[in-house]
Amino acid sequence: INPRNTTQTCHRCDFVMGTEGTDKLRLADREWTCPKCHTHHVRDHNAAQNILIKGLAKLA
């Protein structure tokens, strides 16, 4: 699984930070709230969720 943007992409609504006028997350930003669906994320947990979703999609 390509890990590109897995920390920057909301696993609930697929919004990507750094688009639509938002700033990309800095490495120091460990938690963030999605501006689209308002889901609060812990950065590493969100990335793991995105990687799981992508992995399961490849199996389907």
Protein backbone atom coordinates (compact mmCIF):
# COMPACT_ATOMS: atom_id res chain seq x y z
CA ILE A 1 0.00 0.00 0.00
CA ASN A 2 1.35 3.39 -0.96
CA PRO A 3 1.39 5.43 2.28
CA ARG A 4 1.22 8.76 0.42
CA ASN A 5 -1.15 11.21 2.15
CA THR A 6 -2.42 8.59 4.62
CA THR A 7 -1.80 10.99 7.50
CA GLN A 8 -3.30 13.94 5.61
CA THR A 9 -6.50 12.20 4.41
CA CYS A 10 -9.60 11.88 6.59
CA HIS A 11 -10.50 8.19 6.76
CA ARG A 12 -14.19 9.08 7.18
CA CYS A 13 -14.82 11.47 4.26
CA ASP A 14 -11.57 11.35 2.20
CA PHE A 15 -10.88 15.07 2.58
CA VAL A 16 -7.17 15.78 2.02
CA MET A 17 -5.47 18.48 4.07
CA GLY A 18 -3.65 20.94 1.83
CA THR A 19 -6.60 21.16 -0.58
CA GLU A 20 -9.55 23.53 -0.76
CA GLY A 21 -7.65 26.35 0.92
CA THR A 22 -6.37 24.33 3.90
CA ASP A 23 -2.76 23.97 4.95
CA LYS A 24 -0.97 20.62 4.84
CA LEU A 25 -0.26 19.19 8.26
CA ARG A 26 3.22 19.71 9.61
CA LEU A 27 5.09 16.76 11.12
CA ALA A 28 4.59 18.35 14.55
CA ASP A 29 0.78 18.26 14.10
CA ARG A 30 -0.04 15.01 15.89
CA GLU A 31 -3.82 15.57 16.09
CA TRP A 32 -6.19 17.37 13.74
CA THR A 33 -9.88 17.84 13.03
CA CYS A 34 -11.23 17.40 9.53
CA PRO A 35 -12.65 20.70 8.28
CA LYS A 36 -15.23 18.87 6.14
CA CYS A 37 -16.80 16.25 8.48
CA HIS A 38 -15.34 17.50 11.80
CA THR A 39 -13.90 14.11 12.78
CA HIS A 40 -11.04 14.45 15.26
CA HIS A 41 -7.96 12.40 14.29
CA VAL A 42 -4.82 11.20 16.00
CA ARG A 43 -2.47 11.34 13.04
CA ASP A 44 -0.91 7.85 13.26
CA HIS A 45 -4.24 6.15 14.00
CA ASN A 46 -5.83 7.92 11.04
CA ALA A 47 -2.97 6.78 8.77
CA ALA A 48 -3.41 3.19 9.99
CA GLN A 49 -7.14 3.37 9.24
CA ASN A 50 -6.44 4.66 5.72
CA ILE A 51 -3.87 1.91 5.07
CA LEU A 52 -6.33 -0.75 6.31
CA ILE A 53 -9.08 0.62 4.05
CA LYS A 54 -6.74 0.61 1.04
CA GLY A 55 -5.50 -2.90 1.83
CA LEU A 56 -9.00 -4.32 2.19
CA ALA A 57 -10.02 -2.67 -1.10
CA LYS A 58 -7.16 -4.48 -2.87
CA LEU A 59 -8.44 -7.81 -1.53
CA ALA A 60 -11.96 -7.25 -2.80
